[in-house]
Structure formats: structure tokens, C-alpha cells
């Protein structure tokens, strides 16, 4: 997981332009103010995909549906003393 946010598409485009002009990865990193590894990864990904945009579909997948979320929220608000375990049991029993 990255320690900082992803580079914007604009910065990625700048990296590719500077790389095509002939600047080294270290020079690009200093000019853009990001790590050399970020520059290297951006160039590698661009050479593979020919795109600047982020990959989609990353992150943890949802375990509950929107309907189950609504059910949990309603039950939690109805009885605020209910524990998470009790809510889970009620969810599995009713949905």
C-alpha cells in the first residue's frame, strides 16, 4: 500500500513527456517532486498499457450488498445496544 497518494494523470503525462525528451529518472523525480520509484513505475506502466489513467478494480471487495447495509443500519439505530455479533446473526437470519 502506498504511503502517499497516487500521482495525478497530469503528473504522469509530464513524466512521460520529460522521459521522451531524454531526462533521466532522477532528474524527472526532482522536477516533478516525487520519488524515483514513482517515475520508474509510471514509465513502465505507460510502456505496457500506453495509458496514463489508474488501474480500476483495486481495493477490498464488498462483503455485504446495499440491501444488507440498509438492514444493518436500521437495526443498529433501532436498538443501539446491539453488538456487531448480534447484528450479524440477525442479518444472516433475516436476509
PDB file of N, CA and C in Angstrom:
ATOM      1  N   UNK A   1       0.849  -1.171   0.000  1.00  0.00           N
ATOM      2  CA  UNK A   1       0.000   0.000   0.000  1.00  0.00           C
ATOM      3  C   UNK A   1       0.900   1.242   0.000  1.00  0.00           C
ATOM      4  N   UNK A   2       0.606   2.222  -0.837  1.00  0.00           N
ATOM      5  CA  UNK A   2       1.463   3.400  -0.918  1.00  0.00           C
ATOM      6  C   UNK A   2       1.363   4.272   0.330  1.00  0.00           C
ATOM      7  N   UNK A   3       2.474   4.941   0.643  1.00  0.00           N
ATOM      8  CA  UNK A   3       2.487   5.830   1.797  1.00  0.00           C
ATOM      9  C   UNK A   3       1.846   7.176   1.477  1.00  0.00           C
ATOM     10  N   UNK A   4       1.813   7.510   0.194  1.00  0.00           N
ATOM     11  CA  UNK A   4       1.224   8.786  -0.224  1.00  0.00           C
ATOM     12  C   UNK A   4       0.185   8.530  -1.309  1.00  0.00           C
ATOM     13  N   UNK A   5      -0.464   9.579  -1.727  1.00  0.00           N
ATOM     14  CA  UNK A   5      -1.496   9.461  -2.759  1.00  0.00           C
ATOM     15  C   UNK A   5      -0.866   9.140  -4.104  1.00  0.00           C
ATOM     16  N   UNK A   6      -1.702   8.641  -5.003  1.00  0.00           N
ATOM     17  CA  UNK A   6      -1.240   8.351  -6.356  1.00  0.00           C
ATOM     18  C   UNK A   6      -0.932   9.645  -7.099  1.00  0.00           C
ATOM     19  N   UNK A   7      -0.097   9.537  -8.104  1.00  0.00           N
ATOM     20  CA  UNK A   7       0.181  10.694  -8.952  1.00  0.00           C
ATOM     21  C   UNK A   7      -1.041  10.982  -9.815  1.00  0.00           C
ATOM     22  N   UNK A   8      -1.285  12.253 -10.057  1.00  0.00           N
ATOM     23  CA  UNK A   8      -2.412  12.624 -10.918  1.00  0.00           C
ATOM     24  C   UNK A   8      -2.073  12.269 -12.366  1.00  0.00           C
ATOM     25  N   UNK A   9      -3.106  12.220 -13.192  1.00  0.00           N
ATOM     26  CA  UNK A   9      -2.884  11.915 -14.607  1.00  0.00           C
ATOM     27  C   UNK A   9      -2.003  12.976 -15.255  1.00  0.00           C
ATOM     28  N   UNK A  10      -2.152  14.225 -14.803  1.00  0.00           N
ATOM     29  CA  UNK A  10      -1.331  15.309 -15.339  1.00  0.00           C
ATOM     30  C   UNK A  10       0.144  15.110 -15.044  1.00  0.00           C
ATOM     31  N   UNK A  11       0.448  14.707 -13.802  1.00  0.00           N
ATOM     32  CA  UNK A  11       1.852  14.465 -13.442  1.00  0.00           C
ATOM     33  C   UNK A  11       2.406  13.266 -14.201  1.00  0.00           C
ATOM     34  N   UNK A  12       1.574  12.250 -14.379  1.00  0.00           N
ATOM     35  CA  UNK A  12       2.029  11.081 -15.143  1.00  0.00           C
ATOM     36  C   UNK A  12       2.343  11.473 -16.579  1.00  0.00           C
ATOM     37  N   UNK A  13       1.493  12.324 -17.161  1.00  0.00           N
ATOM     38  CA  UNK A  13       1.730  12.785 -18.531  1.00  0.00           C
ATOM     39  C   UNK A  13       3.029  13.590 -18.599  1.00  0.00           C
ATOM     40  N   UNK A  14       3.263  14.433 -17.581  1.00  0.00           N
ATOM     41  CA  UNK A  14       4.508  15.209 -17.532  1.00  0.00           C
ATOM     42  C   UNK A  14       5.718  14.284 -17.486  1.00  0.00           C
ATOM     43  N   UNK A  15       5.618  13.233 -16.681  1.00  0.00           N
ATOM     44  CA  UNK A  15       6.730  12.285 -16.555  1.00  0.00           C
ATOM     45  C   UNK A  15       7.042  11.661 -17.910  1.00  0.00           C
ATOM     46  N   UNK A  16       6.020  11.261 -18.639  1.00  0.00           N
ATOM     47  CA  UNK A  16       6.224  10.620 -19.944  1.00  0.00           C
ATOM     48  C   UNK A  16       6.833  11.603 -20.940  1.00  0.00           C
ATOM     49  N   UNK A  17       6.355  12.847 -20.920  1.00  0.00           N
ATOM     50  CA  UNK A  17       6.901  13.861 -21.830  1.00  0.00           C
ATOM     51  C   UNK A  17       8.368  14.121 -21.511  1.00  0.00           C
ATOM     52  N   UNK A  18       8.688  14.295 -20.229  1.00  0.00           N
ATOM     53  CA  UNK A  18      10.081  14.545 -19.841  1.00  0.00           C
ATOM     54  C   UNK A  18      10.964  13.344 -20.172  1.00  0.00           C
ATOM     55  N   UNK A  19      10.425  12.161 -20.029  1.00  0.00           N
ATOM     56  CA  UNK A  19      11.186  10.951 -20.357  1.00  0.00           C
ATOM     57  C   UNK A  19      11.452  10.881 -21.862  1.00  0.00           C
ATOM     58  N   UNK A  20      10.450  11.250 -22.661  1.00  0.00           N
ATOM     59  CA  UNK A  20      10.628  11.212 -24.117  1.00  0.00           C
ATOM     60  C   UNK A  20      11.612  12.279 -24.596  1.00  0.00           C
ATOM     61  N   UNK A  21      11.728  13.371 -23.815  1.00  0.00           N
ATOM     62  CA  UNK A  21      12.694  14.424 -24.150  1.00  0.00           C
ATOM     63  C   UNK A  21      14.118  13.945 -23.877  1.00  0.00           C
ATOM     64  N   UNK A  22      14.257  12.999 -22.931  1.00  0.00           N
ATOM     65  CA  UNK A  22      15.579  12.436 -22.675  1.00  0.00           C
ATOM     66  C   UNK A  22      16.098  12.647 -21.271  1.00  0.00           C
ATOM     67  N   UNK A  23      15.276  13.178 -20.369  1.00  0.00           N
ATOM     68  CA  UNK A  23      15.724  13.365 -18.994  1.00  0.00           C
ATOM     69  C   UNK A  23      15.808  12.021 -18.280  1.00  0.00           C
ATOM     70  N   UNK A  24      16.723  11.948 -17.308  1.00  0.00           N
ATOM     71  CA  UNK A  24      16.852  10.713 -16.533  1.00  0.00           C
ATOM     72  C   UNK A  24      15.733  10.636 -15.499  1.00  0.00           C
ATOM     73  N   UNK A  25      15.556   9.455 -14.929  1.00  0.00           N
ATOM     74  CA  UNK A  25      14.509   9.263 -13.930  1.00  0.00           C
ATOM     75  C   UNK A  25      14.751  10.136 -12.700  1.00  0.00           C
ATOM     76  N   UNK A  26      16.000  10.287 -12.306  1.00  0.00           N
ATOM     77  CA  UNK A  26      16.326  11.117 -11.137  1.00  0.00           C
ATOM     78  C   UNK A  26      16.001  12.583 -11.420  1.00  0.00           C
ATOM     79  N   UNK A  27      16.345  13.066 -12.605  1.00  0.00           N
ATOM     80  CA  UNK A  27      16.046  14.451 -12.974  1.00  0.00           C
ATOM     81  C   UNK A  27      14.539  14.688 -13.029  1.00  0.00           C
ATOM     82  N   UNK A  28      13.813  13.734 -13.580  1.00  0.00           N
ATOM     83  CA  UNK A  28      12.351  13.854 -13.647  1.00  0.00           C
ATOM     84  C   UNK A  28      11.773  13.892 -12.243  1.00  0.00           C
ATOM     85  N   UNK A  29      12.259  13.018 -11.365  1.00  0.00           N
ATOM     86  CA  UNK A  29      11.757  12.953  -9.988  1.00  0.00           C
ATOM     87  C   UNK A  29      11.972  14.278  -9.268  1.00  0.00           C
ATOM     88  N   UNK A  30      13.129  14.900  -9.463  1.00  0.00           N
ATOM     89  CA  UNK A  30      13.398  16.193  -8.821  1.00  0.00           C
ATOM     90  C   UNK A  30      12.499  17.286  -9.388  1.00  0.00           C
ATOM     91  N   UNK A  31      12.304  17.260 -10.693  1.00  0.00           N
ATOM     92  CA  UNK A  31      11.488  18.289 -11.342  1.00  0.00           C
ATOM     93  C   UNK A  31      10.011  18.166 -10.952  1.00  0.00           C
ATOM     94  N   UNK A  32       9.486  16.937 -10.896  1.00  0.00           N
ATOM     95  CA  UNK A  32       8.074  16.696 -10.571  1.00  0.00           C
ATOM     96  C   UNK A  32       7.846  16.691  -9.060  1.00  0.00           C
ATOM     97  N   UNK A  33       8.920  16.506  -8.292  1.00  0.00           N
ATOM     98  CA  UNK A  33       8.860  16.402  -6.822  1.00  0.00           C
ATOM     99  C   UNK A  33       8.111  15.140  -6.389  1.00  0.00           C
ATOM    100  N   UNK A  34       8.603  14.010  -6.883  1.00  0.00           N
ATOM    101  CA  UNK A  34       8.093  12.708  -6.456  1.00  0.00           C
ATOM    102  C   UNK A  34       9.280  11.751  -6.412  1.00  0.00           C
ATOM    103  N   UNK A  35       9.050  10.543  -5.975  1.00  0.00           N
ATOM    104  CA  UNK A  35      10.150   9.590  -5.836  1.00  0.00           C
ATOM    105  C   UNK A  35      10.578   9.040  -7.198  1.00  0.00           C
ATOM    106  N   UNK A  36      11.824   8.581  -7.249  1.00  0.00           N
ATOM    107  CA  UNK A  36      12.330   7.976  -8.472  1.00  0.00           C
ATOM    108  C   UNK A  36      11.560   6.700  -8.799  1.00  0.00           C
ATOM    109  N   UNK A  37      11.162   5.978  -7.754  1.00  0.00           N
ATOM    110  CA  UNK A  37      10.387   4.741  -7.964  1.00  0.00           C
ATOM    111  C   UNK A  37       9.039   5.045  -8.617  1.00  0.00           C
ATOM    112  N   UNK A  38       8.415   6.153  -8.227  1.00  0.00           N
ATOM    113  CA  UNK A  38       7.139   6.538  -8.836  1.00  0.00           C
ATOM    114  C   UNK A  38       7.333   6.846 -10.315  1.00  0.00           C
ATOM    115  N   UNK A  39       8.437   7.500 -10.638  1.00  0.00           N
ATOM    116  CA  UNK A  39       8.749   7.808 -12.039  1.00  0.00           C
ATOM    117  C   UNK A  39       8.971   6.512 -12.814  1.00  0.00           C
ATOM    118  N   UNK A  40       9.757   5.618 -12.228  1.00  0.00           N
ATOM    119  CA  UNK A  40      10.061   4.347 -12.882  1.00  0.00           C
ATOM    120  C   UNK A  40       8.792   3.533 -13.124  1.00  0.00           C
ATOM    121  N   UNK A  41       7.925   3.468 -12.113  1.00  0.00           N
ATOM    122  CA  UNK A  41       6.672   2.720 -12.236  1.00  0.00           C
ATOM    123  C   UNK A  41       5.771   3.329 -13.303  1.00  0.00           C
ATOM    124  N   UNK A  42       5.699   4.664 -13.328  1.00  0.00           N
ATOM    125  CA  UNK A  42       4.859   5.352 -14.312  1.00  0.00           C
ATOM    126  C   UNK A  42       5.336   5.067 -15.732  1.00  0.00           C
ATOM    127  N   UNK A  43       6.637   5.130 -15.948  1.00  0.00           N
ATOM    128  CA  UNK A  43       7.196   4.874 -17.280  1.00  0.00           C
ATOM    129  C   UNK A  43       6.943   3.425 -17.688  1.00  0.00           C
ATOM    130  N   UNK A  44       7.157   2.499 -16.760  1.00  0.00           N
ATOM    131  CA  UNK A  44       6.945   1.079 -17.052  1.00  0.00           C
ATOM    132  C   UNK A  44       5.478   0.807 -17.387  1.00  0.00           C
ATOM    133  N   UNK A  45       4.571   1.362 -16.585  1.00  0.00           N
ATOM    134  CA  UNK A  45       3.142   1.141 -16.823  1.00  0.00           C
ATOM    135  C   UNK A  45       2.711   1.761 -18.158  1.00  0.00           C
ATOM    136  N   UNK A  46       3.265   2.945 -18.481  1.00  0.00           N
ATOM    137  CA  UNK A  46       2.915   3.585 -19.753  1.00  0.00           C
ATOM    138  C   UNK A  46       3.413   2.744 -20.935  1.00  0.00           C
ATOM    139  N   UNK A  47       4.617   2.198 -20.811  1.00  0.00           N
ATOM    140  CA  UNK A  47       5.146   1.363 -21.894  1.00  0.00           C
ATOM    141  C   UNK A  47       4.314   0.098 -22.087  1.00  0.00           C
ATOM    142  N   UNK A  48       3.744  -0.424 -21.002  1.00  0.00           N
ATOM    143  CA  UNK A  48       2.918  -1.637 -21.091  1.00  0.00           C
ATOM    144  C   UNK A  48       1.527  -1.347 -21.643  1.00  0.00           C
ATOM    145  N   UNK A  49       0.893  -0.268 -21.156  1.00  0.00           N
ATOM    146  CA  UNK A  49      -0.520  -0.020 -21.478  1.00  0.00           C
ATOM    147  C   UNK A  49      -0.764   1.155 -22.416  1.00  0.00           C
ATOM    148  N   UNK A  50       0.193   2.050 -22.557  1.00  0.00           N
ATOM    149  CA  UNK A  50       0.046   3.277 -23.359  1.00  0.00           C
ATOM    150  C   UNK A  50      -1.074   4.177 -22.829  1.00  0.00           C
ATOM    151  N   UNK A  51      -1.301   4.143 -21.506  1.00  0.00           N
ATOM    152  CA  UNK A  51      -2.329   4.975 -20.882  1.00  0.00           C
ATOM    153  C   UNK A  51      -1.771   5.616 -19.619  1.00  0.00           C
ATOM    154  N   UNK A  52      -2.380   6.754 -19.234  1.00  0.00           N
ATOM    155  CA  UNK A  52      -1.978   7.452 -18.017  1.00  0.00           C
ATOM    156  C   UNK A  52      -2.884   7.135 -16.836  1.00  0.00           C
ATOM    157  N   UNK A  53      -4.092   6.630 -17.112  1.00  0.00           N
ATOM    158  CA  UNK A  53      -5.084   6.507 -16.046  1.00  0.00           C
ATOM    159  C   UNK A  53      -4.759   5.370 -15.076  1.00  0.00           C
ATOM    160  N   UNK A  54      -5.346   5.466 -13.884  1.00  0.00           N
ATOM    161  CA  UNK A  54      -5.135   4.469 -12.840  1.00  0.00           C
ATOM    162  C   UNK A  54      -5.824   3.163 -13.200  1.00  0.00           C
ATOM    163  N   UNK A  55      -5.323   2.092 -12.618  1.00  0.00           N
ATOM    164  CA  UNK A  55      -5.983   0.800 -12.805  1.00  0.00           C
ATOM    165  C   UNK A  55      -7.246   0.781 -11.962  1.00  0.00           C
ATOM    166  N   UNK A  56      -8.301   0.203 -12.507  1.00  0.00           N
ATOM    167  CA  UNK A  56      -9.553   0.150 -11.764  1.00  0.00           C
ATOM    168  C   UNK A  56      -9.699  -1.210 -11.095  1.00  0.00           C
ATOM    169  N   UNK A  57     -10.636  -1.282 -10.161  1.00  0.00           N
ATOM    170  CA  UNK A  57     -10.938  -2.555  -9.533  1.00  0.00           C
ATOM    171  C   UNK A  57     -10.014  -2.938  -8.407  1.00  0.00           C
ATOM    172  N   UNK A  58      -9.264  -1.991  -7.889  1.00  0.00           N
ATOM    173  CA  UNK A  58      -8.375  -2.301  -6.781  1.00  0.00           C
ATOM    174  C   UNK A  58      -9.101  -2.055  -5.477  1.00  0.00           C
ATOM    175  N   UNK A  59      -8.613  -2.611  -4.424  1.00  0.00           N
ATOM    176  CA  UNK A  59      -9.230  -2.428  -3.120  1.00  0.00           C
ATOM    177  C   UNK A  59     -10.038  -3.642  -2.707  1.00  0.00           C
ATOM    178  N   UNK A  60     -10.457  -3.617  -1.485  1.00  0.00           N
ATOM    179  CA  UNK A  60     -11.191  -4.747  -0.934  1.00  0.00           C
ATOM    180  C   UNK A  60     -12.598  -4.804  -1.518  1.00  0.00           C
ATOM    181  N   UNK A  61     -13.045  -6.001  -1.840  1.00  0.00           N
ATOM    182  CA  UNK A  61     -14.374  -6.193  -2.405  1.00  0.00           C
ATOM    183  C   UNK A  61     -15.420  -6.130  -1.297  1.00  0.00           C
ATOM    184  N   UNK A  62     -16.619  -5.683  -1.631  1.00  0.00           N
ATOM    185  CA  UNK A  62     -17.710  -5.563  -0.665  1.00  0.00           C
ATOM    186  C   UNK A  62     -18.181  -6.938  -0.222  1.00  0.00           C
ATOM    187  N   UNK A  63     -18.399  -7.098   1.074  1.00  0.00           N
ATOM    188  CA  UNK A  63     -18.903  -8.353   1.617  1.00  0.00           C
ATOM    189  C   UNK A  63     -20.423  -8.326   1.723  1.00  0.00           C
ATOM    190  N   UNK A  64     -20.997  -7.132   1.927  1.00  0.00           N
ATOM    191  CA  UNK A  64     -22.447  -7.002   2.054  1.00  0.00           C
ATOM    192  C   UNK A  64     -23.002  -6.216   0.874  1.00  0.00           C
ATOM    193  N   UNK A  65     -24.269  -6.463   0.581  1.00  0.00           N
ATOM    194  CA  UNK A  65     -24.932  -5.734  -0.500  1.00  0.00           C
ATOM    195  C   UNK A  65     -25.503  -4.431   0.056  1.00  0.00           C
ATOM    196  N   UNK A  66     -25.998  -3.585  -0.820  1.00  0.00           N
ATOM    197  CA  UNK A  66     -26.614  -2.323  -0.386  1.00  0.00           C
ATOM    198  C   UNK A  66     -27.839  -2.606   0.477  1.00  0.00           C
ATOM    199  N   UNK A  67     -28.578  -3.642   0.118  1.00  0.00           N
ATOM    200  CA  UNK A  67     -29.772  -4.004   0.891  1.00  0.00           C
ATOM    201  C   UNK A  67     -29.383  -4.445   2.308  1.00  0.00           C
ATOM    202  N   UNK A  68     -28.340  -5.244   2.414  1.00  0.00           N
ATOM    203  CA  UNK A  68     -27.874  -5.694   3.734  1.00  0.00           C
ATOM    204  C   UNK A  68     -27.354  -4.522   4.561  1.00  0.00           C
ATOM    205  N   UNK A  69     -26.690  -3.576   3.899  1.00  0.00           N
ATOM    206  CA  UNK A  69     -26.215  -2.377   4.601  1.00  0.00           C
ATOM    207  C   UNK A  69     -27.378  -1.593   5.197  1.00  0.00           C
ATOM    208  N   UNK A  70     -28.447  -1.418   4.404  1.00  0.00           N
ATOM    209  CA  UNK A  70     -29.626  -0.704   4.910  1.00  0.00           C
ATOM    210  C   UNK A  70     -30.231  -1.443   6.097  1.00  0.00           C
ATOM    211  N   UNK A  71     -30.329  -2.762   5.992  1.00  0.00           N
ATOM    212  CA  UNK A  71     -30.892  -3.579   7.072  1.00  0.00           C
ATOM    213  C   UNK A  71     -30.064  -3.423   8.356  1.00  0.00           C
ATOM    214  N   UNK A  72     -28.748  -3.497   8.219  1.00  0.00           N
ATOM    215  CA  UNK A  72     -27.867  -3.346   9.385  1.00  0.00           C
ATOM    216  C   UNK A  72     -28.014  -1.969  10.021  1.00  0.00           C
ATOM    217  N   UNK A  73     -28.083  -0.953   9.184  1.00  0.00           N
ATOM    218  CA  UNK A  73     -28.216   0.416   9.691  1.00  0.00           C
ATOM    219  C   UNK A  73     -29.528   0.591  10.440  1.00  0.00           C
ATOM    220  N   UNK A  74     -30.620   0.091   9.877  1.00  0.00           N
ATOM    221  CA  UNK A  74     -31.929   0.207  10.537  1.00  0.00           C
ATOM    222  C   UNK A  74     -31.930  -0.516  11.878  1.00  0.00           C
ATOM    223  N   UNK A  75     -31.399  -1.726  11.915  1.00  0.00           N
ATOM    224  CA  UNK A  75     -31.373  -2.483  13.169  1.00  0.00           C
ATOM    225  C   UNK A  75     -30.457  -1.844  14.204  1.00  0.00           C
ATOM    226  N   UNK A  76     -29.341  -1.312  13.766  1.00  0.00           N
ATOM    227  CA  UNK A  76     -28.410  -0.675  14.693  1.00  0.00           C
ATOM    228  C   UNK A  76     -29.033   0.578  15.296  1.00  0.00           C
ATOM    229  N   UNK A  77     -29.784   1.323  14.506  1.00  0.00           N
ATOM    230  CA  UNK A  77     -30.436   2.532  15.016  1.00  0.00           C
ATOM    231  C   UNK A  77     -31.639   2.189  15.891  1.00  0.00           C
ATOM    232  N   UNK A  78     -32.298   1.086  15.588  1.00  0.00           N
ATOM    233  CA  UNK A  78     -33.465   0.662  16.358  1.00  0.00           C
ATOM    234  C   UNK A  78     -33.057   0.265  17.785  1.00  0.00           C
ATOM    235  N   UNK A  79     -31.991  -0.509  17.899  1.00  0.00           N
ATOM    236  CA  UNK A  79     -31.504  -0.955  19.208  1.00  0.00           C
ATOM    237  C   UNK A  79     -30.007  -0.670  19.277  1.00  0.00           C
ATOM    238  N   UNK A  80     -29.658   0.472  19.852  1.00  0.00           N
ATOM    239  CA  UNK A  80     -28.265   0.913  19.870  1.00  0.00           C
ATOM    240  C   UNK A  80     -27.356   0.071  20.766  1.00  0.00           C
ATOM    241  N   UNK A  81     -27.939  -0.780  21.602  1.00  0.00           N
ATOM    242  CA  UNK A  81     -27.130  -1.608  22.495  1.00  0.00           C
ATOM    243  C   UNK A  81     -26.747  -2.939  21.856  1.00  0.00           C
ATOM    244  N   UNK A  82     -27.245  -3.203  20.667  1.00  0.00           N
ATOM    245  CA  UNK A  82     -26.931  -4.448  19.977  1.00  0.00           C
ATOM    246  C   UNK A  82     -25.462  -4.474  19.575  1.00  0.00           C
ATOM    247  N   UNK A  83     -24.803  -5.611  19.775  1.00  0.00           N
ATOM    248  CA  UNK A  83     -23.399  -5.744  19.395  1.00  0.00           C
ATOM    249  C   UNK A  83     -23.299  -6.104  17.916  1.00  0.00           C
ATOM    250  N   UNK A  84     -22.088  -6.010  17.393  1.00  0.00           N
ATOM    251  CA  UNK A  84     -21.858  -6.352  15.990  1.00  0.00           C
ATOM    252  C   UNK A  84     -22.178  -7.825  15.745  1.00  0.00           C
ATOM    253  N   UNK A  85     -21.834  -8.664  16.708  1.00  0.00           N
ATOM    254  CA  UNK A  85     -22.112 -10.094  16.561  1.00  0.00           C
ATOM    255  C   UNK A  85     -23.617 -10.355  16.489  1.00  0.00           C
ATOM    256  N   UNK A  86     -24.380  -9.675  17.337  1.00  0.00           N
ATOM    257  CA  UNK A  86     -25.839  -9.827  17.328  1.00  0.00           C
ATOM    258  C   UNK A  86     -26.439  -9.317  16.015  1.00  0.00           C
ATOM    259  N   UNK A  87     -25.904  -8.213  15.515  1.00  0.00           N
ATOM    260  CA  UNK A  87     -26.373  -7.683  14.232  1.00  0.00           C
ATOM    261  C   UNK A  87     -26.092  -8.677  13.103  1.00  0.00           C
ATOM    262  N   UNK A  88     -24.921  -9.293  13.145  1.00  0.00           N
ATOM    263  CA  UNK A  88     -24.557 -10.266  12.117  1.00  0.00           C
ATOM    264  C   UNK A  88     -25.495 -11.466  12.139  1.00  0.00           C
ATOM    265  N   UNK A  89     -25.783 -11.959  13.351  1.00  0.00           N
ATOM    266  CA  UNK A  89     -26.697 -13.102  13.480  1.00  0.00           C
ATOM    267  C   UNK A  89     -28.078 -12.734  12.942  1.00  0.00           C
ATOM    268  N   UNK A  90     -28.562 -11.548  13.294  1.00  0.00           N
ATOM    269  CA  UNK A  90     -29.878 -11.102  12.821  1.00  0.00           C
ATOM    270  C   UNK A  90     -29.884 -10.947  11.301  1.00  0.00           C
ATOM    271  N   UNK A  91     -28.800 -10.453  10.760  1.00  0.00           N
ATOM    272  CA  UNK A  91     -28.700 -10.277   9.309  1.00  0.00           C
ATOM    273  C   UNK A  91     -28.771 -11.627   8.603  1.00  0.00           C
ATOM    274  N   UNK A  92     -28.001 -12.584   9.063  1.00  0.00           N
ATOM    275  CA  UNK A  92     -27.984 -13.913   8.434  1.00  0.00           C
ATOM    276  C   UNK A  92     -29.326 -14.636   8.589  1.00  0.00           C
ATOM    277  N   UNK A  93     -30.025 -14.358   9.672  1.00  0.00           N
ATOM    278  CA  UNK A  93     -31.312 -14.997   9.932  1.00  0.00           C
ATOM    279  C   UNK A  93     -32.401 -14.427   9.019  1.00  0.00           C
ATOM    280  N   UNK A  94     -32.354 -13.119   8.749  1.00  0.00           N
ATOM    281  CA  UNK A  94     -33.449 -12.451   8.041  1.00  0.00           C
ATOM    282  C   UNK A  94     -33.198 -12.207   6.554  1.00  0.00           C
ATOM    283  N   UNK A  95     -31.984 -12.215   6.118  1.00  0.00           N
ATOM    284  CA  UNK A  95     -31.728 -11.912   4.699  1.00  0.00           C
ATOM    285  C   UNK A  95     -31.323 -13.117   3.905  1.00  0.00           C
TER     286      UNK A  95
END
